[in-house]
Amino acid sequence: MDRAEKREFVTDLHGVFNTSGSVVVAHYAGITVAQMNDLRTKMRAAGGTVKVAKNRLAKIALQGTESEGMQALFTGQTLIAYSEDPVVAPKVASEFAKGNDKLVILGGAMGATGLDAEGVKALATLPSLDELRAKLVGMISTPATRIAQVVNAPAAQLARVFGAYARKDEAA
């Protein structure tokens, strides 16, 4: 990697640390290429990204960001997983780590909030932004449908009464 590529890598990572909803840092020693591709595919499908981080360059990229406190996590073979949705990267990384003991989650950050490994796992248990939106829409629409049913109920009862009288008159 020449100087221009390093400069571009640092600039890209600096932008990632500034704009991502959450960043997860993990050790990946011993993971095969196929397993790494599987992790990248799962992360991409969920809306996140996985990058292998050069520790020195990642520490430089962290300078001047809200996530600057996580510099100590960058030792050994590290990768970063990040996403705009704060729950996606921790959720996919935690799920993958459950099935593969070679991926060791070290910690991460969510904006200015530093996370340890347990914090990342706790964040992974939360519902995603899309799931929360769906629940909110469901909660809002349920009372509206109930109100419509209550308002329409008297009219429906009157229609049944008139229908019963009409059938009674026809029968007579």
N, C-alpha and C. Protein backbone atom coordinates (compact mmCIF):
# COMPACT_ATOMS: atom_id res chain seq x y z
N MET A 1 0.85 -1.17 0.00
CA MET A 1 0.00 0.00 0.00
C MET A 1 0.91 1.25 0.00
N ASP A 2 0.78 2.10 -1.01
CA ASP A 2 1.62 3.30 -1.05
C ASP A 2 0.96 4.43 -0.26
N ARG A 3 1.62 5.55 -0.16
CA ARG A 3 1.15 6.67 0.67
C ARG A 3 -0.23 7.18 0.25
N ALA A 4 -0.47 7.28 -1.04
CA ALA A 4 -1.77 7.78 -1.51
C ALA A 4 -2.90 6.84 -1.09
N GLU A 5 -2.68 5.53 -1.21
CA GLU A 5 -3.69 4.55 -0.81
C GLU A 5 -3.92 4.61 0.70
N LYS A 6 -2.84 4.77 1.46
CA LYS A 6 -2.98 4.87 2.92
C LYS A 6 -3.77 6.12 3.29
N ARG A 7 -3.46 7.23 2.64
CA ARG A 7 -4.16 8.48 2.92
C ARG A 7 -5.66 8.33 2.61
N GLU A 8 -5.96 7.68 1.49
CA GLU A 8 -7.36 7.46 1.11
C GLU A 8 -8.05 6.53 2.10
N PHE A 9 -7.35 5.48 2.54
CA PHE A 9 -7.89 4.54 3.52
C PHE A 9 -8.21 5.26 4.83
N VAL A 10 -7.30 6.11 5.29
CA VAL A 10 -7.51 6.85 6.53
C VAL A 10 -8.69 7.81 6.38
N THR A 11 -8.79 8.47 5.25
CA THR A 11 -9.90 9.39 5.01
C THR A 11 -11.24 8.65 5.01
N ASP A 12 -11.27 7.50 4.34
CA ASP A 12 -12.50 6.70 4.32
C ASP A 12 -12.89 6.24 5.72
N LEU A 13 -11.90 5.73 6.48
CA LEU A 13 -12.20 5.27 7.83
C LEU A 13 -12.64 6.41 8.73
N HIS A 14 -12.04 7.57 8.57
CA HIS A 14 -12.43 8.73 9.36
C HIS A 14 -13.91 9.06 9.11
N GLY A 15 -14.31 9.00 7.85
CA GLY A 15 -15.72 9.22 7.51
C GLY A 15 -16.62 8.16 8.11
N VAL A 16 -16.16 6.91 8.10
CA VAL A 16 -16.94 5.81 8.69
C VAL A 16 -17.14 6.06 10.17
N PHE A 17 -16.07 6.42 10.88
CA PHE A 17 -16.17 6.63 12.33
C PHE A 17 -17.06 7.83 12.65
N ASN A 18 -17.14 8.81 11.77
CA ASN A 18 -17.97 9.99 12.00
C ASN A 18 -19.44 9.74 11.69
N THR A 19 -19.75 8.94 10.67
CA THR A 19 -21.12 8.84 10.19
C THR A 19 -21.85 7.55 10.58
N SER A 20 -21.15 6.53 11.01
CA SER A 20 -21.80 5.24 11.30
C SER A 20 -22.62 5.31 12.58
N GLY A 21 -23.72 4.57 12.56
CA GLY A 21 -24.54 4.46 13.76
C GLY A 21 -23.83 3.68 14.84
N SER A 22 -23.10 2.64 14.44
CA SER A 22 -22.31 1.86 15.38
C SER A 22 -21.14 1.22 14.65
N VAL A 23 -20.07 0.99 15.42
CA VAL A 23 -18.87 0.34 14.91
C VAL A 23 -18.51 -0.78 15.88
N VAL A 24 -18.23 -1.96 15.35
CA VAL A 24 -17.83 -3.10 16.17
C VAL A 24 -16.41 -3.48 15.79
N VAL A 25 -15.55 -3.68 16.79
CA VAL A 25 -14.16 -4.08 16.57
C VAL A 25 -14.02 -5.51 17.07
N ALA A 26 -13.41 -6.38 16.25
CA ALA A 26 -13.26 -7.79 16.62
C ALA A 26 -11.94 -8.34 16.13
N HIS A 27 -11.46 -9.37 16.82
CA HIS A 27 -10.30 -10.14 16.34
C HIS A 27 -10.82 -11.23 15.41
N TYR A 28 -10.07 -11.50 14.36
CA TYR A 28 -10.52 -12.51 13.40
C TYR A 28 -9.46 -13.57 13.12
N ALA A 29 -8.47 -13.72 13.96
CA ALA A 29 -7.37 -14.67 13.73
C ALA A 29 -7.92 -16.09 13.60
N GLY A 30 -7.56 -16.76 12.52
CA GLY A 30 -7.97 -18.14 12.31
C GLY A 30 -9.21 -18.31 11.45
N ILE A 31 -9.84 -17.24 11.06
CA ILE A 31 -11.03 -17.34 10.21
C ILE A 31 -10.58 -17.58 8.77
N THR A 32 -11.22 -18.53 8.12
CA THR A 32 -10.87 -18.84 6.73
C THR A 32 -11.44 -17.78 5.80
N VAL A 33 -10.96 -17.78 4.58
CA VAL A 33 -11.45 -16.84 3.58
C VAL A 33 -12.94 -17.06 3.32
N ALA A 34 -13.36 -18.31 3.27
CA ALA A 34 -14.78 -18.61 3.03
C ALA A 34 -15.64 -18.07 4.17
N GLN A 35 -15.18 -18.23 5.41
CA GLN A 35 -15.93 -17.73 6.55
C GLN A 35 -16.00 -16.19 6.54
N MET A 36 -14.87 -15.57 6.16
CA MET A 36 -14.84 -14.10 6.09
C MET A 36 -15.79 -13.61 5.01
N ASN A 37 -15.82 -14.30 3.87
CA ASN A 37 -16.75 -13.93 2.79
C ASN A 37 -18.19 -14.11 3.25
N ASP A 38 -18.45 -15.15 4.02
CA ASP A 38 -19.79 -15.40 4.56
C ASP A 38 -20.20 -14.25 5.49
N LEU A 39 -19.28 -13.83 6.36
CA LEU A 39 -19.56 -12.71 7.26
C LEU A 39 -19.84 -11.44 6.46
N ARG A 40 -19.02 -11.17 5.46
CA ARG A 40 -19.22 -9.97 4.64
C ARG A 40 -20.56 -10.00 3.91
N THR A 41 -20.93 -11.18 3.40
CA THR A 41 -22.20 -11.33 2.69
C THR A 41 -23.37 -11.07 3.63
N LYS A 42 -23.33 -11.66 4.83
CA LYS A 42 -24.41 -11.47 5.80
C LYS A 42 -24.51 -10.01 6.21
N MET A 43 -23.36 -9.38 6.42
CA MET A 43 -23.36 -7.98 6.84
C MET A 43 -23.89 -7.09 5.73
N ARG A 44 -23.48 -7.34 4.51
CA ARG A 44 -23.94 -6.54 3.37
C ARG A 44 -25.44 -6.68 3.18
N ALA A 45 -25.95 -7.92 3.34
CA ALA A 45 -27.39 -8.16 3.18
C ALA A 45 -28.20 -7.41 4.24
N ALA A 46 -27.63 -7.24 5.42
CA ALA A 46 -28.33 -6.54 6.49
C ALA A 46 -28.17 -5.02 6.41
N GLY A 47 -27.24 -4.56 5.57
CA GLY A 47 -27.05 -3.12 5.43
C GLY A 47 -25.79 -2.59 6.10
N GLY A 48 -24.85 -3.47 6.39
CA GLY A 48 -23.60 -3.06 7.04
C GLY A 48 -22.41 -3.40 6.17
N THR A 49 -21.22 -3.14 6.71
CA THR A 49 -19.97 -3.39 5.99
C THR A 49 -18.94 -3.94 6.96
N VAL A 50 -18.07 -4.81 6.45
CA VAL A 50 -16.95 -5.35 7.22
C VAL A 50 -15.67 -5.00 6.49
N LYS A 51 -14.70 -4.46 7.24
CA LYS A 51 -13.39 -4.15 6.68
C LYS A 51 -12.31 -4.66 7.62
N VAL A 52 -11.23 -5.18 7.04
CA VAL A 52 -10.07 -5.52 7.82
C VAL A 52 -9.33 -4.22 8.06
N ALA A 53 -8.99 -3.96 9.31
CA ALA A 53 -8.40 -2.67 9.66
C ALA A 53 -6.91 -2.82 9.94
N LYS A 54 -6.11 -1.95 9.34
CA LYS A 54 -4.71 -1.82 9.72
C LYS A 54 -4.71 -0.95 10.97
N ASN A 55 -4.21 -1.51 12.07
CA ASN A 55 -4.34 -0.86 13.37
C ASN A 55 -3.79 0.57 13.39
N ARG A 56 -2.60 0.77 12.87
CA ARG A 56 -1.97 2.09 12.91
C ARG A 56 -2.82 3.09 12.13
N LEU A 57 -3.31 2.68 10.96
CA LEU A 57 -4.13 3.58 10.15
C LEU A 57 -5.49 3.84 10.80
N ALA A 58 -6.05 2.82 11.43
CA ALA A 58 -7.34 2.99 12.11
C ALA A 58 -7.21 3.97 13.28
N LYS A 59 -6.10 3.88 14.01
CA LYS A 59 -5.89 4.81 15.13
C LYS A 59 -5.75 6.24 14.63
N ILE A 60 -5.08 6.41 13.50
CA ILE A 60 -4.95 7.74 12.90
C ILE A 60 -6.33 8.25 12.47
N ALA A 61 -7.13 7.37 11.87
CA ALA A 61 -8.46 7.75 11.40
C ALA A 61 -9.40 8.11 12.56
N LEU A 62 -9.17 7.51 13.72
CA LEU A 62 -10.02 7.79 14.89
C LEU A 62 -9.79 9.17 15.48
N GLN A 63 -8.64 9.75 15.23
CA GLN A 63 -8.32 11.06 15.82
C GLN A 63 -9.31 12.12 15.34
N GLY A 64 -9.86 12.84 16.30
CA GLY A 64 -10.79 13.91 15.98
C GLY A 64 -12.23 13.45 15.78
N THR A 65 -12.54 12.19 16.08
CA THR A 65 -13.91 11.70 15.96
C THR A 65 -14.50 11.49 17.36
N GLU A 66 -15.80 11.28 17.43
CA GLU A 66 -16.45 10.99 18.70
C GLU A 66 -16.01 9.65 19.27
N SER A 67 -15.62 8.72 18.40
CA SER A 67 -15.27 7.36 18.80
C SER A 67 -13.80 7.21 19.17
N GLU A 68 -13.12 8.31 19.40
CA GLU A 68 -11.68 8.29 19.63
C GLU A 68 -11.28 7.41 20.82
N GLY A 69 -12.17 7.20 21.75
CA GLY A 69 -11.88 6.40 22.94
C GLY A 69 -11.66 4.92 22.69
N MET A 70 -11.96 4.43 21.51
CA MET A 70 -11.81 2.99 21.26
C MET A 70 -10.47 2.64 20.60
N GLN A 71 -9.49 3.54 20.66
CA GLN A 71 -8.19 3.26 20.06
C GLN A 71 -7.51 2.06 20.68
N ALA A 72 -7.74 1.82 21.97
CA ALA A 72 -7.09 0.70 22.66
C ALA A 72 -7.54 -0.65 22.11
N LEU A 73 -8.66 -0.72 21.42
CA LEU A 73 -9.16 -1.99 20.89
C LEU A 73 -8.35 -2.47 19.68
N PHE A 74 -7.63 -1.58 19.04
CA PHE A 74 -6.93 -1.93 17.81
C PHE A 74 -5.55 -2.52 18.09
N THR A 75 -5.54 -3.78 18.49
CA THR A 75 -4.31 -4.56 18.68
C THR A 75 -4.53 -5.92 18.06
N GLY A 76 -3.51 -6.48 17.45
CA GLY A 76 -3.64 -7.79 16.81
C GLY A 76 -4.38 -7.68 15.49
N GLN A 77 -4.88 -8.82 15.03
CA GLN A 77 -5.61 -8.86 13.76
C GLN A 77 -7.05 -8.41 14.02
N THR A 78 -7.36 -7.19 13.59
CA THR A 78 -8.68 -6.65 13.87
C THR A 78 -9.45 -6.36 12.59
N LEU A 79 -10.75 -6.45 12.73
CA LEU A 79 -11.65 -6.02 11.67
C LEU A 79 -12.68 -5.10 12.30
N ILE A 80 -13.27 -4.27 11.45
CA ILE A 80 -14.36 -3.42 11.93
C ILE A 80 -15.61 -3.73 11.13
N ALA A 81 -16.72 -3.75 11.83
CA ALA A 81 -18.03 -3.91 11.20
C ALA A 81 -18.82 -2.66 11.56
N TYR A 82 -19.44 -2.05 10.57
CA TYR A 82 -20.17 -0.82 10.83
C TYR A 82 -21.42 -0.75 9.98
N SER A 83 -22.37 0.07 10.45
CA SER A 83 -23.62 0.28 9.73
C SER A 83 -24.23 1.59 10.18
N GLU A 84 -25.12 2.11 9.35
CA GLU A 84 -25.83 3.34 9.72
C GLU A 84 -26.85 3.06 10.82
N ASP A 85 -27.55 1.93 10.70
CA ASP A 85 -28.48 1.51 11.74
C ASP A 85 -27.64 1.02 12.93
N PRO A 86 -27.80 1.59 14.12
CA PRO A 86 -26.94 1.23 15.24
C PRO A 86 -27.03 -0.23 15.67
N VAL A 87 -28.05 -0.95 15.26
CA VAL A 87 -28.24 -2.32 15.73
C VAL A 87 -27.71 -3.36 14.74
N VAL A 88 -27.63 -3.03 13.46
CA VAL A 88 -27.30 -4.02 12.43
C VAL A 88 -25.92 -4.63 12.61
N ALA A 89 -24.88 -3.81 12.70
CA ALA A 89 -23.52 -4.35 12.81
C ALA A 89 -23.33 -5.20 14.06
N PRO A 90 -23.75 -4.75 15.25
CA PRO A 90 -23.61 -5.61 16.42
C PRO A 90 -24.41 -6.91 16.32
N LYS A 91 -25.61 -6.83 15.72
CA LYS A 91 -26.45 -8.02 15.63
C LYS A 91 -25.82 -9.07 14.72
N VAL A 92 -25.38 -8.68 13.53
CA VAL A 92 -24.78 -9.64 12.59
C VAL A 92 -23.46 -10.18 13.14
N ALA A 93 -22.63 -9.30 13.72
CA ALA A 93 -21.34 -9.74 14.27
C ALA A 93 -21.55 -10.71 15.43
N SER A 94 -22.51 -10.43 16.30
CA SER A 94 -22.77 -11.32 17.44
C SER A 94 -23.31 -12.67 16.98
N GLU A 95 -24.22 -12.65 16.01
CA GLU A 95 -24.76 -13.91 15.47
C GLU A 95 -23.64 -14.75 14.85
N PHE A 96 -22.76 -14.09 14.10
CA PHE A 96 -21.66 -14.82 13.47
C PHE A 96 -20.69 -15.34 14.52
N ALA A 97 -20.44 -14.57 15.57
CA ALA A 97 -19.51 -14.99 16.63
C ALA A 97 -20.05 -16.19 17.41
N LYS A 98 -21.39 -16.31 17.51
CA LYS A 98 -21.97 -17.47 18.19
C LYS A 98 -21.63 -18.76 17.46
N GLY A 99 -21.64 -18.72 16.14
CA GLY A 99 -21.36 -19.91 15.36
C GLY A 99 -19.90 -20.11 15.02
N ASN A 100 -19.07 -19.12 15.30
CA ASN A 100 -17.65 -19.22 14.96
C ASN A 100 -16.84 -18.60 16.11
N ASP A 101 -16.19 -19.47 16.88
CA ASP A 101 -15.47 -18.98 18.06
C ASP A 101 -14.17 -18.24 17.72
N LYS A 102 -13.79 -18.21 16.46
CA LYS A 102 -12.56 -17.51 16.07
C LYS A 102 -12.80 -16.01 15.89
N LEU A 103 -14.04 -15.59 15.80
CA LEU A 103 -14.36 -14.17 15.76
C LEU A 103 -14.64 -13.74 17.19
N VAL A 104 -13.75 -12.92 17.73
CA VAL A 104 -13.86 -12.48 19.12
C VAL A 104 -14.18 -10.98 19.13
N ILE A 105 -15.35 -10.64 19.61
CA ILE A 105 -15.77 -9.24 19.65
C ILE A 105 -15.06 -8.58 20.83
N LEU A 106 -14.35 -7.49 20.53
CA LEU A 106 -13.60 -6.76 21.55
C LEU A 106 -14.40 -5.62 22.14
N GLY A 107 -15.20 -4.97 21.32
CA GLY A 107 -15.96 -3.82 21.76
C GLY A 107 -16.36 -2.99 20.56
N GLY A 108 -16.60 -1.72 20.79
CA GLY A 108 -16.97 -0.85 19.69
C GLY A 108 -17.42 0.50 20.20
N ALA A 109 -18.18 1.17 19.37
CA ALA A 109 -18.68 2.49 19.73
C ALA A 109 -19.99 2.75 19.02
N MET A 110 -20.82 3.53 19.70
CA MET A 110 -22.06 4.01 19.10
C MET A 110 -22.05 5.52 19.32
N GLY A 111 -21.56 6.24 18.31
CA GLY A 111 -21.35 7.67 18.45
C GLY A 111 -20.23 7.91 19.45
N ALA A 112 -20.49 8.72 20.46
CA ALA A 112 -19.48 9.02 21.47
C ALA A 112 -19.45 7.98 22.59
N THR A 113 -20.40 7.06 22.57
CA THR A 113 -20.50 6.04 23.62
C THR A 113 -19.62 4.85 23.28
N GLY A 114 -18.64 4.58 24.13
CA GLY A 114 -17.79 3.40 23.95
C GLY A 114 -18.50 2.17 24.46
N LEU A 115 -18.31 1.06 23.79
CA LEU A 115 -18.96 -0.20 24.18
C LEU A 115 -17.91 -1.27 24.41
N ASP A 116 -18.08 -2.05 25.47
CA ASP A 116 -17.25 -3.24 25.63
C ASP A 116 -17.95 -4.40 24.93
N ALA A 117 -17.38 -5.60 25.04
CA ALA A 117 -17.96 -6.76 24.35
C ALA A 117 -19.39 -7.02 24.81
N GLU A 118 -19.66 -6.86 26.10
CA GLU A 118 -21.01 -7.09 26.63
C GLU A 118 -21.97 -6.01 26.13
N GLY A 119 -21.49 -4.79 25.99
CA GLY A 119 -22.32 -3.71 25.46
C GLY A 119 -22.73 -3.96 24.02
N VAL A 120 -21.80 -4.50 23.24
CA VAL A 120 -22.10 -4.84 21.85
C VAL A 120 -23.16 -5.94 21.80
N LYS A 121 -23.01 -6.94 22.66
CA LYS A 121 -23.98 -8.04 22.68
C LYS A 121 -25.36 -7.54 23.15
N ALA A 122 -25.37 -6.62 24.10
CA ALA A 122 -26.65 -6.06 24.56
C ALA A 122 -27.31 -5.25 23.45
N LEU A 123 -26.52 -4.51 22.70
CA LEU A 123 -27.05 -3.73 21.58
C LEU A 123 -27.60 -4.66 20.50
N ALA A 124 -26.98 -5.82 20.35
CA ALA A 124 -27.42 -6.78 19.33
C ALA A 124 -28.80 -7.37 19.64
N THR A 125 -29.21 -7.34 20.90
CA THR A 125 -30.51 -7.92 21.25
C THR A 125 -31.67 -6.96 20.99
N LEU A 126 -31.37 -5.69 20.74
CA LEU A 126 -32.43 -4.72 20.47
C LEU A 126 -33.00 -4.93 19.07
N PRO A 127 -34.26 -4.56 18.87
CA PRO A 127 -34.83 -4.65 17.51
C PRO A 127 -34.22 -3.57 16.61
N SER A 128 -34.14 -3.86 15.32
CA SER A 128 -33.57 -2.90 14.38
C SER A 128 -34.52 -1.73 14.18
N LEU A 129 -34.04 -0.71 13.51
CA LEU A 129 -34.83 0.49 13.27
C LEU A 129 -36.09 0.17 12.47
N ASP A 130 -35.97 -0.70 11.46
CA ASP A 130 -37.14 -1.08 10.67
C ASP A 130 -38.17 -1.84 11.51
N GLU A 131 -37.70 -2.72 12.39
CA GLU A 131 -38.62 -3.46 13.26
C GLU A 131 -39.36 -2.51 14.20
N LEU A 132 -38.63 -1.52 14.75
CA LEU A 132 -39.27 -0.55 15.63
C LEU A 132 -40.31 0.28 14.89
N ARG A 133 -40.00 0.66 13.66
CA ARG A 133 -40.97 1.41 12.85
C ARG A 133 -42.23 0.59 12.61
N ALA A 134 -42.05 -0.69 12.29
CA ALA A 134 -43.21 -1.56 12.03
C ALA A 134 -44.07 -1.69 13.28
N LYS A 135 -43.43 -1.85 14.44
CA LYS A 135 -44.20 -1.94 15.68
C LYS A 135 -44.96 -0.65 15.97
N LEU A 136 -44.31 0.47 15.71
CA LEU A 136 -44.95 1.76 15.94
C LEU A 136 -46.16 1.95 15.04
N VAL A 137 -46.02 1.60 13.77
CA VAL A 137 -47.15 1.70 12.84
C VAL A 137 -48.29 0.78 13.28
N GLY A 138 -47.94 -0.42 13.73
CA GLY A 138 -48.96 -1.35 14.22
C GLY A 138 -49.70 -0.81 15.43
N MET A 139 -48.94 -0.18 16.33
CA MET A 139 -49.57 0.38 17.54
C MET A 139 -50.47 1.56 17.19
N ILE A 140 -50.09 2.34 16.20
CA ILE A 140 -50.90 3.50 15.81
C ILE A 140 -52.15 3.06 15.06
N SER A 141 -52.03 2.08 14.17
CA SER A 141 -53.17 1.68 13.35
C SER A 141 -54.20 0.86 14.11
N THR A 142 -53.81 0.15 15.15
CA THR A 142 -54.75 -0.68 15.90
C THR A 142 -55.86 0.15 16.54
N PRO A 143 -55.56 1.22 17.26
CA PRO A 143 -56.67 2.02 17.83
C PRO A 143 -57.57 2.62 16.74
N ALA A 144 -57.00 3.01 15.61
CA ALA A 144 -57.82 3.59 14.54
C ALA A 144 -58.82 2.58 14.01
N THR A 145 -58.42 1.33 13.83
CA THR A 145 -59.35 0.31 13.34
C THR A 145 -60.42 0.01 14.39
N ARG A 146 -60.03 0.05 15.65
CA ARG A 146 -61.03 -0.19 16.71
C ARG A 146 -62.06 0.94 16.75
N ILE A 147 -61.59 2.17 16.59
CA ILE A 147 -62.52 3.31 16.56
C ILE A 147 -63.49 3.17 15.40
N ALA A 148 -62.99 2.78 14.24
CA ALA A 148 -63.85 2.60 13.07
C ALA A 148 -64.89 1.51 13.33
N GLN A 149 -64.49 0.43 13.99
CA GLN A 149 -65.43 -0.65 14.30
C GLN A 149 -66.52 -0.17 15.26
N VAL A 150 -66.14 0.59 16.28
CA VAL A 150 -67.11 1.09 17.26
C VAL A 150 -68.09 2.07 16.61
N VAL A 151 -67.57 2.94 15.76
CA VAL A 151 -68.43 3.93 15.09
C VAL A 151 -69.39 3.23 14.14
N ASN A 152 -68.95 2.20 13.44
CA ASN A 152 -69.79 1.51 12.48
C ASN A 152 -70.74 0.50 13.12
N ALA A 153 -70.50 0.11 14.35
CA ALA A 153 -71.31 -0.92 15.00
C ALA A 153 -72.79 -0.53 15.11
N PRO A 154 -73.15 0.67 15.57
CA PRO A 154 -74.59 1.01 15.65
C PRO A 154 -75.29 0.95 14.29
N ALA A 155 -74.63 1.44 13.27
CA ALA A 155 -75.23 1.40 11.93
C ALA A 155 -75.43 -0.04 11.49
N ALA A 156 -74.49 -0.90 11.78
CA ALA A 156 -74.62 -2.30 11.40
C ALA A 156 -75.77 -2.96 12.17
N GLN A 157 -75.93 -2.60 13.44
CA GLN A 157 -77.03 -3.17 14.22
C GLN A 157 -78.38 -2.70 13.69
N LEU A 158 -78.47 -1.42 13.32
CA LEU A 158 -79.71 -0.91 12.74
C LEU A 158 -80.03 -1.64 11.45
N ALA A 159 -79.03 -1.86 10.62
CA ALA A 159 -79.25 -2.56 9.36
C ALA A 159 -79.77 -3.98 9.63
N ARG A 160 -79.24 -4.64 10.65
CA ARG A 160 -79.72 -6.00 10.98
C ARG A 160 -81.18 -5.97 11.46
N VAL A 161 -81.51 -4.97 12.26
CA VAL A 161 -82.89 -4.86 12.76
C VAL A 161 -83.86 -4.61 11.61
N PHE A 162 -83.50 -3.67 10.71
CA PHE A 162 -84.35 -3.39 9.55
C PHE A 162 -84.47 -4.63 8.67
N GLY A 163 -83.37 -5.36 8.50
CA GLY A 163 -83.39 -6.58 7.71
C GLY A 163 -84.31 -7.63 8.33
N ALA A 164 -84.30 -7.73 9.66
CA ALA A 164 -85.16 -8.69 10.34
C ALA A 164 -86.62 -8.32 10.18
N TYR A 165 -86.96 -7.03 10.29
CA TYR A 165 -88.32 -6.58 10.10
C TYR A 165 -88.77 -6.82 8.66
N ALA A 166 -87.88 -6.59 7.71
CA ALA A 166 -88.23 -6.80 6.31
C ALA A 166 -88.50 -8.28 6.05
N ARG A 167 -87.68 -9.18 6.62
CA ARG A 167 -87.92 -10.61 6.42
C ARG A 167 -89.21 -11.03 7.11
N LYS A 168 -89.51 -10.42 8.24
CA LYS A 168 -90.74 -10.74 8.97
C LYS A 168 -91.96 -10.32 8.16
N ASP A 169 -91.92 -9.13 7.55
CA ASP A 169 -93.02 -8.65 6.73
C ASP A 169 -93.19 -9.51 5.47
N GLU A 170 -92.09 -9.96 4.88
CA GLU A 170 -92.16 -10.81 3.70
C GLU A 170 -92.78 -12.16 4.04
N ALA A 171 -92.46 -12.66 5.20
CA ALA A 171 -92.98 -13.94 5.61
C ALA A 171 -94.48 -13.86 5.91
N ALA A 172 -94.94 -12.71 6.34
CA ALA A 172 -96.35 -12.57 6.71
C ALA A 172 -97.25 -12.35 5.56
